[in-house]
Amino acid sequence: MSASPKYSVIVPVYNRIDEVTDLLNSLIGQTLRNFEVIIVEDGSTAPCKAAADEAISRGLDLRYYYKSNEGRSIARNYGLERANGEYFVFFDSDCVIPPTYFETLDRELTAQPLDCFGGPDAAHESFTDTQKAINYSMTSFLTTGGIRGGKIRLEKFVPRTFNMGYSRKVYEQVGGFREMFSEDIDMSTRIRQAGFSIGLIRSASVWHKRRIDMKKFLRQVYVFGMSRITLKLLYPDSLKAVHCLPAAFVIGCTGLILLSALVSPWFITPIAIYLILLFICAAISTKRLKIAAMAVPAAIIQLGGYGAGFIKAYFTKIILGRGRSIEEEISLRKGK
């Protein structure tokens, strides 16, 4: 292993022992090992140091750090400050990396250099049915408009930290992550505004476990919806029509349900058609009727949760002007 690896893999961790073990095993199995791994334990009460030590004993170029809990962005920045690579690659601790990931990434960046890049995510065959259903909901054009790396997209590609990287030059000019919700979108926006190139490397995908149950999934997407308004306050031009679709879904469905109860049951027809279409597409994509059936409530949770968070934040922060300003929020999250 060279003293200066080409890639530095940076992973923030908080109480994810089993997931980190799977992630490290997948990194040990890479066909190209021109990378180092930096694990930053962000104040976990159940540290993963034993898993890190085991990976080191199996030949993985890994450094493990434990620090007090300050949030995942500060943990990533802690790793950035200690990284040696030409490029920094970010994975979430609940990812599993296909064995040819770095071989593919190296080939694609050689053929078409990029300052910042990202790849799609998918569900591994070993994942639970719930995880597969949530994964379909998070990646389907019918639910996200393709904004998470699909073949058809309604906005520019935005790398996310479950599978994202950028060059040392980007870091030196743009800096690290801000401790805020949707920090990866904020980072990608700052990189684009600085004039750096950003691209999707479709063949460099990861397997992403996502949330293990629908309750946690609901909390996650609700926060996503609220953070979209925070991003609008930071970048007024960043809010696109596709981001408003979940809110339109919530308002539209509420109206149709009320009309079906008060006027005619036929008003429920558009919702029924959409859910049937979603089930059919999920069945074709996953080839499992059970997962397709679970994908329907997952999609309702995703659109409903995101839409509700979006509506609440829009009403309180933009219409009423309540809450902290974005500058105050960021300063408080940084502990200033």
C-alpha atoms as a PDB file:
ATOM      1  CA  MET A   1       0.000   0.000   0.000  1.00  0.00           C
ATOM      2  CA  SER A   2       1.427   3.388  -1.010  1.00  0.00           C
ATOM      3  CA  ALA A   3       1.960   6.138   1.560  1.00  0.00           C
ATOM      4  CA  SER A   4      -0.487   8.401  -0.300  1.00  0.00           C
ATOM      5  CA  PRO A   5      -3.539   6.448  -1.480  1.00  0.00           C
ATOM      6  CA  LYS A   6      -5.603   7.839  -4.324  1.00  0.00           C
ATOM      7  CA  TYR A   7      -8.870   7.718  -2.363  1.00  0.00           C
ATOM      8  CA  SER A   8      -9.700   8.387   1.264  1.00  0.00           C
ATOM      9  CA  VAL A   9     -12.940   6.716   2.357  1.00  0.00           C
ATOM     10  CA  ILE A  10     -14.514   8.673   5.209  1.00  0.00           C
ATOM     11  CA  VAL A  11     -17.350   7.148   7.253  1.00  0.00           C
ATOM     12  CA  PRO A  12     -19.013   8.772  10.279  1.00  0.00           C
ATOM     13  CA  VAL A  13     -20.423   6.214  12.707  1.00  0.00           C
ATOM     14  CA  TYR A  14     -22.900   6.395  15.564  1.00  0.00           C
ATOM     15  CA  ASN A  15     -23.892   3.106  17.253  1.00  0.00           C
ATOM     16  CA  ARG A  16     -23.799   0.971  14.087  1.00  0.00           C
ATOM     17  CA  ILE A  17     -21.558  -1.991  14.972  1.00  0.00           C
ATOM     18  CA  ASP A  18     -23.235  -4.605  12.757  1.00  0.00           C
ATOM     19  CA  GLU A  19     -23.564  -2.263   9.798  1.00  0.00           C
ATOM     20  CA  VAL A  20     -19.935  -1.138  10.025  1.00  0.00           C
ATOM     21  CA  THR A  21     -18.802  -4.765  10.064  1.00  0.00           C
ATOM     22  CA  ASP A  22     -20.656  -5.413   6.794  1.00  0.00           C
ATOM     23  CA  LEU A  23     -19.262  -2.212   5.277  1.00  0.00           C
ATOM     24  CA  LEU A  24     -15.670  -3.042   6.230  1.00  0.00           C
ATOM     25  CA  ASN A  25     -15.988  -6.601   4.939  1.00  0.00           C
ATOM     26  CA  SER A  26     -17.121  -5.224   1.585  1.00  0.00           C
ATOM     27  CA  LEU A  27     -14.145  -2.845   1.479  1.00  0.00           C
ATOM     28  CA  ILE A  28     -11.741  -5.689   2.270  1.00  0.00           C
ATOM     29  CA  GLY A  29     -13.157  -7.518  -0.770  1.00  0.00           C
ATOM     30  CA  GLN A  30     -12.446  -4.733  -3.274  1.00  0.00           C
ATOM     31  CA  THR A  31     -10.687  -5.774  -6.485  1.00  0.00           C
ATOM     32  CA  LEU A  32      -8.672  -2.528  -6.387  1.00  0.00           C
ATOM     33  CA  ARG A  33      -7.264  -1.398  -3.047  1.00  0.00           C
ATOM     34  CA  ASN A  34      -5.849   2.061  -3.825  1.00  0.00           C
ATOM     35  CA  PHE A  35      -7.687   3.627  -0.879  1.00  0.00           C
ATOM     36  CA  GLU A  36      -7.477   4.224   2.844  1.00  0.00           C
ATOM     37  CA  VAL A  37     -10.431   4.086   5.223  1.00  0.00           C
ATOM     38  CA  ILE A  38     -11.075   6.577   8.007  1.00  0.00           C
ATOM     39  CA  ILE A  39     -13.739   5.634  10.553  1.00  0.00           C
ATOM     40  CA  VAL A  40     -14.858   8.498  12.797  1.00  0.00           C
ATOM     41  CA  GLU A  41     -16.839   7.257  15.783  1.00  0.00           C
ATOM     42  CA  ASP A  42     -19.058  10.173  16.772  1.00  0.00           C
ATOM     43  CA  GLY A  43     -19.458   9.552  20.502  1.00  0.00           C
ATOM     44  CA  SER A  44     -21.099   6.126  20.166  1.00  0.00           C
ATOM     45  CA  THR A  45     -22.117   4.320  23.347  1.00  0.00           C
ATOM     46  CA  ALA A  46     -21.455   1.042  21.493  1.00  0.00           C
ATOM     47  CA  PRO A  47     -18.188   1.687  19.610  1.00  0.00           C
ATOM     48  CA  CYS A  48     -17.119  -0.328  16.565  1.00  0.00           C
ATOM     49  CA  LYS A  49     -13.390  -0.348  17.384  1.00  0.00           C
ATOM     50  CA  ALA A  50     -13.270  -4.157  17.551  1.00  0.00           C
ATOM     51  CA  ALA A  51     -14.657  -4.372  14.019  1.00  0.00           C
ATOM     52  CA  ALA A  52     -12.107  -1.786  12.882  1.00  0.00           C
ATOM     53  CA  ASP A  53      -9.242  -3.684  14.512  1.00  0.00           C
ATOM     54  CA  GLU A  54     -10.413  -6.916  12.864  1.00  0.00           C
ATOM     55  CA  ALA A  55     -10.427  -5.211   9.447  1.00  0.00           C
ATOM     56  CA  ILE A  56      -6.912  -3.868  10.062  1.00  0.00           C
ATOM     57  CA  SER A  57      -5.712  -7.376  10.957  1.00  0.00           C
ATOM     58  CA  ARG A  58      -7.086  -8.536   7.596  1.00  0.00           C
ATOM     59  CA  GLY A  59      -4.984  -6.009   5.714  1.00  0.00           C
ATOM     60  CA  LEU A  60      -7.333  -3.039   5.311  1.00  0.00           C
ATOM     61  CA  ASP A  61      -5.571   0.343   5.385  1.00  0.00           C
ATOM     62  CA  LEU A  62      -7.773   1.816   8.103  1.00  0.00           C
ATOM     63  CA  ARG A  63      -7.526   4.430  10.824  1.00  0.00           C
ATOM     64  CA  TYR A  64     -10.089   4.590  13.612  1.00  0.00           C
ATOM     65  CA  TYR A  65     -10.881   7.732  15.593  1.00  0.00           C
ATOM     66  CA  TYR A  66     -13.227   8.218  18.522  1.00  0.00           C
ATOM     67  CA  LYS A  67     -14.527  11.698  19.337  1.00  0.00           C
ATOM     68  CA  SER A  68     -17.342  13.271  21.319  1.00  0.00           C
ATOM     69  CA  ASN A  69     -20.769  13.390  19.715  1.00  0.00           C
ATOM     70  CA  GLU A  70     -21.167  16.540  17.594  1.00  0.00           C
ATOM     71  CA  GLY A  71     -23.029  15.339  14.504  1.00  0.00           C
ATOM     72  CA  ARG A  72     -22.227  13.500  11.288  1.00  0.00           C
ATOM     73  CA  SER A  73     -21.009  16.543   9.339  1.00  0.00           C
ATOM     74  CA  ILE A  74     -18.457  17.493  11.973  1.00  0.00           C
ATOM     75  CA  ALA A  75     -17.395  13.835  12.076  1.00  0.00           C
ATOM     76  CA  ARG A  76     -16.860  13.878   8.294  1.00  0.00           C
ATOM     77  CA  ASN A  77     -14.852  17.081   8.574  1.00  0.00           C
ATOM     78  CA  TYR A  78     -12.762  15.479  11.323  1.00  0.00           C
ATOM     79  CA  GLY A  79     -11.950  12.690   8.867  1.00  0.00           C
ATOM     80  CA  LEU A  80     -11.246  15.148   6.048  1.00  0.00           C
ATOM     81  CA  GLU A  81      -8.631  16.907   8.148  1.00  0.00           C
ATOM     82  CA  ARG A  82      -6.782  13.599   8.592  1.00  0.00           C
ATOM     83  CA  ALA A  83      -7.154  12.169   5.066  1.00  0.00           C
ATOM     84  CA  ASN A  84      -4.237  11.670   2.687  1.00  0.00           C
ATOM     85  CA  GLY A  85      -5.984  10.866  -0.594  1.00  0.00           C
ATOM     86  CA  GLU A  86      -6.308  12.787  -3.844  1.00  0.00           C
ATOM     87  CA  TYR A  87     -10.061  12.218  -3.645  1.00  0.00           C
ATOM     88  CA  PHE A  88     -12.365  11.922  -0.662  1.00  0.00           C
ATOM     89  CA  VAL A  89     -15.146   9.317  -0.876  1.00  0.00           C
ATOM     90  CA  PHE A  90     -18.080   9.320   1.537  1.00  0.00           C
ATOM     91  CA  PHE A  91     -20.222   6.325   2.417  1.00  0.00           C
ATOM     92  CA  ASP A  92     -22.883   5.981   5.087  1.00  0.00           C
ATOM     93  CA  SER A  93     -22.265   3.295   7.687  1.00  0.00           C
ATOM     94  CA  ASP A  94     -25.329   1.369   6.438  1.00  0.00           C
ATOM     95  CA  CYS A  95     -23.827   0.848   2.961  1.00  0.00           C
ATOM     96  CA  VAL A  96     -22.291  -2.280   1.461  1.00  0.00           C
ATOM     97  CA  ILE A  97     -19.858  -1.668  -1.402  1.00  0.00           C
ATOM     98  CA  PRO A  98     -19.800  -3.940  -4.497  1.00  0.00           C
ATOM     99  CA  PRO A  99     -16.366  -5.563  -4.981  1.00  0.00           C
ATOM    100  CA  THR A 100     -15.566  -3.701  -8.214  1.00  0.00           C
ATOM    101  CA  TYR A 101     -16.572  -0.244  -6.925  1.00  0.00           C
ATOM    102  CA  PHE A 102     -13.092   1.315  -6.814  1.00  0.00           C
ATOM    103  CA  GLU A 103     -12.001  -0.450  -9.976  1.00  0.00           C
ATOM    104  CA  THR A 104     -15.042   1.059 -11.706  1.00  0.00           C
ATOM    105  CA  LEU A 105     -14.569   4.480 -10.123  1.00  0.00           C
ATOM    106  CA  ASP A 106     -10.909   4.585 -11.149  1.00  0.00           C
ATOM    107  CA  ARG A 107     -11.738   3.646 -14.731  1.00  0.00           C
ATOM    108  CA  GLU A 108     -14.545   6.176 -15.061  1.00  0.00           C
ATOM    109  CA  LEU A 109     -12.584   9.073 -13.549  1.00  0.00           C
ATOM    110  CA  THR A 110      -9.660   8.305 -15.856  1.00  0.00           C
ATOM    111  CA  ALA A 111     -11.956   8.321 -18.886  1.00  0.00           C
ATOM    112  CA  GLN A 112     -13.869  11.428 -17.757  1.00  0.00           C
ATOM    113  CA  PRO A 113     -12.301  13.402 -14.891  1.00  0.00           C
ATOM    114  CA  LEU A 114     -14.729  15.016 -12.452  1.00  0.00           C
ATOM    115  CA  ASP A 115     -14.196  17.340  -9.514  1.00  0.00           C
ATOM    116  CA  CYS A 116     -17.197  15.918  -7.672  1.00  0.00           C
ATOM    117  CA  PHE A 117     -19.068  12.691  -8.338  1.00  0.00           C
ATOM    118  CA  GLY A 118     -21.740  10.425  -6.986  1.00  0.00           C
ATOM    119  CA  GLY A 119     -23.399   7.152  -7.795  1.00  0.00           C
ATOM    120  CA  PRO A 120     -26.774   5.478  -7.338  1.00  0.00           C
ATOM    121  CA  ASP A 121     -27.827   3.097  -4.595  1.00  0.00           C
ATOM    122  CA  ALA A 122     -29.757  -0.157  -4.686  1.00  0.00           C
ATOM    123  CA  ALA A 123     -30.957  -2.968  -2.440  1.00  0.00           C
ATOM    124  CA  HIS A 124     -28.830  -6.083  -2.016  1.00  0.00           C
ATOM    125  CA  GLU A 125     -30.508  -9.476  -2.186  1.00  0.00           C
ATOM    126  CA  SER A 126     -29.640 -10.072   1.490  1.00  0.00           C
ATOM    127  CA  PHE A 127     -31.602  -7.030   2.674  1.00  0.00           C
ATOM    128  CA  THR A 128     -34.953  -7.439   4.400  1.00  0.00           C
ATOM    129  CA  ASP A 129     -38.191  -7.084   2.459  1.00  0.00           C
ATOM    130  CA  THR A 130     -38.890  -3.825   4.306  1.00  0.00           C
ATOM    131  CA  GLN A 131     -35.520  -2.410   3.288  1.00  0.00           C
ATOM    132  CA  LYS A 132     -36.123  -3.451  -0.325  1.00  0.00           C
ATOM    133  CA  ALA A 133     -39.570  -1.838  -0.333  1.00  0.00           C
ATOM    134  CA  ILE A 134     -38.177   1.388   1.114  1.00  0.00           C
ATOM    135  CA  ASN A 135     -35.329   1.308  -1.391  1.00  0.00           C
ATOM    136  CA  TYR A 136     -37.793   1.024  -4.272  1.00  0.00           C
ATOM    137  CA  SER A 137     -39.806   3.922  -2.903  1.00  0.00           C
ATOM    138  CA  MET A 138     -36.675   6.070  -2.557  1.00  0.00           C
ATOM    139  CA  THR A 139     -35.422   5.371  -6.083  1.00  0.00           C
ATOM    140  CA  SER A 140     -38.564   5.076  -8.214  1.00  0.00           C
ATOM    141  CA  PHE A 141     -39.383   7.827 -10.707  1.00  0.00           C
ATOM    142  CA  LEU A 142     -43.007   7.549  -9.549  1.00  0.00           C
ATOM    143  CA  THR A 143     -42.079   8.737  -6.055  1.00  0.00           C
ATOM    144  CA  THR A 144     -38.943  10.876  -6.343  1.00  0.00           C
ATOM    145  CA  GLY A 145     -39.039  12.151  -9.913  1.00  0.00           C
ATOM    146  CA  GLY A 146     -35.698  10.417 -10.488  1.00  0.00           C
ATOM    147  CA  ILE A 147     -33.752  12.941  -8.419  1.00  0.00           C
ATOM    148  CA  ARG A 148     -31.718  10.186  -6.708  1.00  0.00           C
ATOM    149  CA  GLY A 149     -29.773   9.100  -9.776  1.00  0.00           C
ATOM    150  CA  GLY A 150     -32.434   7.571 -11.983  1.00  0.00           C
ATOM    151  CA  LYS A 151     -32.235   7.462 -15.756  1.00  0.00           C
ATOM    152  CA  ILE A 152     -34.943  10.113 -16.045  1.00  0.00           C
ATOM    153  CA  ARG A 153     -34.501  13.149 -13.805  1.00  0.00           C
ATOM    154  CA  LEU A 154     -36.484  16.297 -13.172  1.00  0.00           C
ATOM    155  CA  GLU A 155     -33.542  18.248 -11.740  1.00  0.00           C
ATOM    156  CA  LYS A 156     -29.750  18.302 -11.945  1.00  0.00           C
ATOM    157  CA  PHE A 157     -27.983  15.368 -10.330  1.00  0.00           C
ATOM    158  CA  VAL A 158     -26.994  16.057  -6.710  1.00  0.00           C
ATOM    159  CA  PRO A 159     -24.511  13.639  -5.088  1.00  0.00           C
ATOM    160  CA  ARG A 160     -25.543  12.326  -1.650  1.00  0.00           C
ATOM    161  CA  THR A 161     -23.212  11.176   1.104  1.00  0.00           C
ATOM    162  CA  PHE A 162     -24.259   7.533   0.917  1.00  0.00           C
ATOM    163  CA  ASN A 163     -22.143   7.492  -2.294  1.00  0.00           C
ATOM    164  CA  MET A 164     -20.284  10.730  -2.984  1.00  0.00           C
ATOM    165  CA  GLY A 165     -16.783  12.005  -3.539  1.00  0.00           C
ATOM    166  CA  TYR A 166     -14.782  15.074  -4.468  1.00  0.00           C
ATOM    167  CA  SER A 167     -11.179  16.070  -5.077  1.00  0.00           C
ATOM    168  CA  ARG A 168      -8.727  17.580  -2.627  1.00  0.00           C
ATOM    169  CA  LYS A 169      -8.804  20.751  -4.732  1.00  0.00           C
ATOM    170  CA  VAL A 170     -12.553  21.047  -4.077  1.00  0.00           C
ATOM    171  CA  TYR A 171     -11.980  20.618  -0.351  1.00  0.00           C
ATOM    172  CA  GLU A 172      -9.244  23.251  -0.291  1.00  0.00           C
ATOM    173  CA  GLN A 173     -11.504  25.780  -2.017  1.00  0.00           C
ATOM    174  CA  VAL A 174     -15.009  24.917  -0.777  1.00  0.00           C
ATOM    175  CA  GLY A 175     -14.252  23.387   2.612  1.00  0.00           C
ATOM    176  CA  GLY A 176     -16.106  20.714   4.531  1.00  0.00           C
ATOM    177  CA  PHE A 177     -19.717  19.984   5.439  1.00  0.00           C
ATOM    178  CA  ARG A 178     -21.990  22.239   7.443  1.00  0.00           C
ATOM    179  CA  GLU A 179     -23.783  20.589  10.385  1.00  0.00           C
ATOM    180  CA  MET A 180     -27.353  20.862   9.130  1.00  0.00           C
ATOM    181  CA  PHE A 181     -30.038  18.634   7.680  1.00  0.00           C
ATOM    182  CA  SER A 182     -29.443  17.774   3.984  1.00  0.00           C
ATOM    183  CA  GLU A 183     -25.827  18.760   4.406  1.00  0.00           C
ATOM    184  CA  ASP A 184     -24.875  16.787   1.299  1.00  0.00           C
ATOM    185  CA  ILE A 185     -27.230  18.851  -0.886  1.00  0.00           C
ATOM    186  CA  ASP A 186     -25.765  22.012   0.644  1.00  0.00           C
ATOM    187  CA  MET A 187     -22.251  20.756  -0.110  1.00  0.00           C
ATOM    188  CA  SER A 188     -23.105  19.800  -3.688  1.00  0.00           C
ATOM    189  CA  THR A 189     -24.663  23.221  -4.239  1.00  0.00           C
ATOM    190  CA  ARG A 190     -21.581  25.027  -2.939  1.00  0.00           C
ATOM    191  CA  ILE A 191     -19.353  22.890  -5.149  1.00  0.00           C
ATOM    192  CA  ARG A 192     -21.461  23.669  -8.219  1.00  0.00           C
ATOM    193  CA  GLN A 193     -21.536  27.387  -7.399  1.00  0.00           C
ATOM    194  CA  ALA A 194     -17.734  27.369  -7.116  1.00  0.00           C
ATOM    195  CA  GLY A 195     -17.559  26.265 -10.757  1.00  0.00           C
ATOM    196  CA  PHE A 196     -16.447  22.668 -10.252  1.00  0.00           C
ATOM    197  CA  SER A 197     -17.706  19.822 -12.418  1.00  0.00           C
ATOM    198  CA  ILE A 198     -20.227  17.384 -10.930  1.00  0.00           C
ATOM    199  CA  GLY A 199     -21.280  14.114 -12.537  1.00  0.00           C
ATOM    200  CA  LEU A 200     -23.186  10.890 -11.958  1.00  0.00           C
ATOM    201  CA  ILE A 201     -21.137   7.718 -12.351  1.00  0.00           C
ATOM    202  CA  ARG A 202     -24.001   5.323 -12.849  1.00  0.00           C
ATOM    203  CA  SER A 203     -21.850   2.185 -12.803  1.00  0.00           C
ATOM    204  CA  ALA A 204     -20.353   3.055  -9.379  1.00  0.00           C
ATOM    205  CA  SER A 205     -23.332   2.033  -7.277  1.00  0.00           C
ATOM    206  CA  VAL A 206     -23.590   0.934  -3.651  1.00  0.00           C
ATOM    207  CA  TRP A 207     -26.020  -1.251  -1.742  1.00  0.00           C
ATOM    208  CA  HIS A 208     -27.828   0.905   0.792  1.00  0.00           C
ATOM    209  CA  LYS A 209     -29.700  -0.652   3.722  1.00  0.00           C
ATOM    210  CA  ARG A 210     -31.699   2.483   4.567  1.00  0.00           C
ATOM    211  CA  ARG A 211     -34.154   2.392   7.487  1.00  0.00           C
ATOM    212  CA  ILE A 212     -35.127  -0.959   8.962  1.00  0.00           C
ATOM    213  CA  ASP A 213     -38.753  -0.086   9.733  1.00  0.00           C
ATOM    214  CA  MET A 214     -41.476   2.241   8.494  1.00  0.00           C
ATOM    215  CA  LYS A 215     -41.589   4.357  11.673  1.00  0.00           C
ATOM    216  CA  LYS A 216     -37.929   5.338  11.346  1.00  0.00           C
ATOM    217  CA  PHE A 217     -38.455   5.891   7.622  1.00  0.00           C
ATOM    218  CA  LEU A 218     -41.311   8.306   8.375  1.00  0.00           C
ATOM    219  CA  ARG A 219     -39.139  10.336  10.744  1.00  0.00           C
ATOM    220  CA  GLN A 220     -36.364  10.464   8.156  1.00  0.00           C
ATOM    221  CA  VAL A 221     -38.476  11.708   5.242  1.00  0.00           C
ATOM    222  CA  TYR A 222     -40.294  14.220   7.468  1.00  0.00           C
ATOM    223  CA  VAL A 223     -36.919  15.789   8.265  1.00  0.00           C
ATOM    224  CA  PHE A 224     -36.021  15.713   4.554  1.00  0.00           C
ATOM    225  CA  GLY A 225     -39.156  17.719   3.786  1.00  0.00           C
ATOM    226  CA  MET A 226     -38.383  20.324   6.448  1.00  0.00           C
ATOM    227  CA  SER A 227     -34.766  20.620   5.345  1.00  0.00           C
ATOM    228  CA  ARG A 228     -35.824  21.459   1.800  1.00  0.00           C
ATOM    229  CA  ILE A 229     -37.146  24.783   3.137  1.00  0.00           C
ATOM    230  CA  THR A 230     -33.872  25.359   4.987  1.00  0.00           C
ATOM    231  CA  LEU A 231     -32.086  24.883   1.671  1.00  0.00           C
ATOM    232  CA  LYS A 232     -34.437  27.371   0.020  1.00  0.00           C
ATOM    233  CA  LEU A 233     -33.511  29.937   2.645  1.00  0.00           C
ATOM    234  CA  LEU A 234     -29.849  29.296   1.909  1.00  0.00           C
ATOM    235  CA  TYR A 235     -30.264  29.142  -1.877  1.00  0.00           C
ATOM    236  CA  PRO A 236     -33.473  30.883  -3.027  1.00  0.00           C
ATOM    237  CA  ASP A 237     -33.240  29.428  -6.546  1.00  0.00           C
ATOM    238  CA  SER A 238     -32.754  25.848  -5.344  1.00  0.00           C
ATOM    239  CA  LEU A 239     -36.439  25.021  -4.848  1.00  0.00           C
ATOM    240  CA  LYS A 240     -37.759  23.293  -7.982  1.00  0.00           C
ATOM    241  CA  ALA A 241     -41.202  22.030  -8.938  1.00  0.00           C
ATOM    242  CA  VAL A 242     -40.169  18.417  -8.276  1.00  0.00           C
ATOM    243  CA  HIS A 243     -39.467  19.277  -4.632  1.00  0.00           C
ATOM    244  CA  CYS A 244     -43.037  20.520  -4.205  1.00  0.00           C
ATOM    245  CA  LEU A 245     -44.664  17.354  -5.561  1.00  0.00           C
ATOM    246  CA  PRO A 246     -44.916  15.544  -2.184  1.00  0.00           C
ATOM    247  CA  ALA A 247     -46.654  18.600  -0.693  1.00  0.00           C
ATOM    248  CA  ALA A 248     -49.017  18.642  -3.690  1.00  0.00           C
ATOM    249  CA  PHE A 249     -49.589  14.916  -3.088  1.00  0.00           C
ATOM    250  CA  VAL A 250     -50.579  15.536   0.551  1.00  0.00           C
ATOM    251  CA  ILE A 251     -52.876  18.453  -0.293  1.00  0.00           C
ATOM    252  CA  GLY A 252     -54.379  16.693  -3.320  1.00  0.00           C
ATOM    253  CA  CYS A 253     -55.014  13.409  -1.519  1.00  0.00           C
ATOM    254  CA  THR A 254     -56.539  15.198   1.453  1.00  0.00           C
ATOM    255  CA  GLY A 255     -58.893  17.052  -0.869  1.00  0.00           C
ATOM    256  CA  LEU A 256     -59.846  13.941  -2.849  1.00  0.00           C
ATOM    257  CA  ILE A 257     -60.498  11.936   0.327  1.00  0.00           C
ATOM    258  CA  LEU A 258     -62.752  14.697   1.670  1.00  0.00           C
ATOM    259  CA  LEU A 259     -64.605  14.945  -1.643  1.00  0.00           C
ATOM    260  CA  SER A 260     -65.054  11.168  -1.777  1.00  0.00           C
ATOM    261  CA  ALA A 261     -66.562  11.239   1.720  1.00  0.00           C
ATOM    262  CA  LEU A 262     -68.755  14.298   1.193  1.00  0.00           C
ATOM    263  CA  VAL A 263     -69.660  14.219  -2.507  1.00  0.00           C
ATOM    264  CA  SER A 264     -68.940  10.964  -4.342  1.00  0.00           C
ATOM    265  CA  PRO A 265     -66.669   7.936  -3.747  1.00  0.00           C
ATOM    266  CA  TRP A 266     -65.468   8.286  -7.343  1.00  0.00           C
ATOM    267  CA  PHE A 267     -63.186  11.125  -6.241  1.00  0.00           C
ATOM    268  CA  ILE A 268     -60.892   8.491  -4.727  1.00  0.00           C
ATOM    269  CA  THR A 269     -60.224   7.047  -8.232  1.00  0.00           C
ATOM    270  CA  PRO A 270     -57.034   9.069  -9.030  1.00  0.00           C
ATOM    271  CA  ILE A 271     -55.406   7.891  -5.786  1.00  0.00           C
ATOM    272  CA  ALA A 272     -56.387   4.274  -6.478  1.00  0.00           C
ATOM    273  CA  ILE A 273     -55.006   4.453 -10.036  1.00  0.00           C
ATOM    274  CA  TYR A 274     -51.690   5.867  -8.801  1.00  0.00           C
ATOM    275  CA  LEU A 275     -51.277   3.192  -6.121  1.00  0.00           C
ATOM    276  CA  ILE A 276     -52.160   0.395  -8.558  1.00  0.00           C
ATOM    277  CA  LEU A 277     -49.630   1.759 -11.056  1.00  0.00           C
ATOM    278  CA  LEU A 278     -47.030   1.963  -8.296  1.00  0.00           C
ATOM    279  CA  PHE A 279     -47.695  -1.659  -7.303  1.00  0.00           C
ATOM    280  CA  ILE A 280     -47.403  -2.873 -10.913  1.00  0.00           C
ATOM    281  CA  CYS A 281     -44.141  -0.995 -11.512  1.00  0.00           C
ATOM    282  CA  ALA A 282     -42.706  -2.207  -8.199  1.00  0.00           C
ATOM    283  CA  ALA A 283     -43.647  -5.808  -9.021  1.00  0.00           C
ATOM    284  CA  ILE A 284     -41.940  -5.552 -12.415  1.00  0.00           C
ATOM    285  CA  SER A 285     -38.839  -3.919 -10.923  1.00  0.00           C
ATOM    286  CA  THR A 286     -38.406  -6.128  -7.825  1.00  0.00           C
ATOM    287  CA  LYS A 287     -39.960  -9.311  -9.253  1.00  0.00           C
ATOM    288  CA  ARG A 288     -41.565  -9.905  -5.846  1.00  0.00           C
ATOM    289  CA  LEU A 289     -45.272  -9.391  -5.167  1.00  0.00           C
ATOM    290  CA  LYS A 290     -44.690  -9.100  -1.419  1.00  0.00           C
ATOM    291  CA  ILE A 291     -42.113  -6.331  -1.844  1.00  0.00           C
ATOM    292  CA  ALA A 292     -44.376  -4.586  -4.367  1.00  0.00           C
ATOM    293  CA  ALA A 293     -47.223  -4.683  -1.861  1.00  0.00           C
ATOM    294  CA  MET A 294     -44.948  -3.248   0.855  1.00  0.00           C
ATOM    295  CA  ALA A 295     -43.692  -0.579  -1.549  1.00  0.00           C
ATOM    296  CA  VAL A 296     -47.179   0.940  -1.693  1.00  0.00           C
ATOM    297  CA  PRO A 297     -47.344   1.963   2.018  1.00  0.00           C
ATOM    298  CA  ALA A 298     -43.648   2.878   1.839  1.00  0.00           C
ATOM    299  CA  ALA A 299     -44.440   5.317  -0.972  1.00  0.00           C
ATOM    300  CA  ILE A 300     -47.391   6.758   0.966  1.00  0.00           C
ATOM    301  CA  ILE A 301     -45.130   7.237   3.994  1.00  0.00           C
ATOM    302  CA  GLN A 302     -42.399   8.802   1.870  1.00  0.00           C
ATOM    303  CA  LEU A 303     -44.617  11.248   0.007  1.00  0.00           C
ATOM    304  CA  GLY A 304     -46.840  11.952   3.003  1.00  0.00           C
ATOM    305  CA  GLY A 305     -43.990  12.401   5.484  1.00  0.00           C
ATOM    306  CA  TYR A 306     -41.872  14.538   3.180  1.00  0.00           C
ATOM    307  CA  GLY A 307     -44.897  16.579   2.119  1.00  0.00           C
ATOM    308  CA  ALA A 308     -46.015  17.176   5.707  1.00  0.00           C
ATOM    309  CA  GLY A 309     -42.531  18.294   6.766  1.00  0.00           C
ATOM    310  CA  PHE A 310     -42.286  20.556   3.712  1.00  0.00           C
ATOM    311  CA  ILE A 311     -45.693  22.152   4.374  1.00  0.00           C
ATOM    312  CA  LYS A 312     -44.994  22.714   8.074  1.00  0.00           C
ATOM    313  CA  ALA A 313     -41.588  24.286   7.450  1.00  0.00           C
ATOM    314  CA  TYR A 314     -42.891  26.421   4.566  1.00  0.00           C
ATOM    315  CA  PHE A 315     -45.779  27.715   6.655  1.00  0.00           C
ATOM    316  CA  THR A 316     -43.784  28.444   9.815  1.00  0.00           C
ATOM    317  CA  LYS A 317     -40.522  29.679   8.296  1.00  0.00           C
ATOM    318  CA  ILE A 318     -41.612  31.415   5.102  1.00  0.00           C
ATOM    319  CA  ILE A 319     -45.234  32.461   5.591  1.00  0.00           C
ATOM    320  CA  LEU A 320     -45.096  33.233   9.318  1.00  0.00           C
ATOM    321  CA  GLY A 321     -41.376  34.022   9.411  1.00  0.00           C
ATOM    322  CA  ARG A 322     -40.956  32.165  12.665  1.00  0.00           C
ATOM    323  CA  GLY A 323     -37.960  30.246  13.899  1.00  0.00           C
ATOM    324  CA  ARG A 324     -34.266  30.940  13.626  1.00  0.00           C
ATOM    325  CA  SER A 325     -32.702  32.356  10.500  1.00  0.00           C
ATOM    326  CA  ILE A 326     -30.580  29.966   8.486  1.00  0.00           C
ATOM    327  CA  GLU A 327     -27.415  31.709   9.706  1.00  0.00           C
ATOM    328  CA  GLU A 328     -28.520  31.225  13.320  1.00  0.00           C
ATOM    329  CA  GLU A 329     -29.371  27.560  12.690  1.00  0.00           C
ATOM    330  CA  ILE A 330     -25.986  26.817  11.158  1.00  0.00           C
ATOM    331  CA  SER A 331     -24.123  28.696  13.899  1.00  0.00           C
ATOM    332  CA  LEU A 332     -26.015  26.814  16.613  1.00  0.00           C
ATOM    333  CA  ARG A 333     -25.414  23.452  14.934  1.00  0.00           C
ATOM    334  CA  LYS A 334     -21.698  24.280  14.830  1.00  0.00           C
ATOM    335  CA  GLY A 335     -21.818  25.089  18.521  1.00  0.00           C
ATOM    336  CA  LYS A 336     -21.003  28.769  18.015  1.00  0.00           C
END
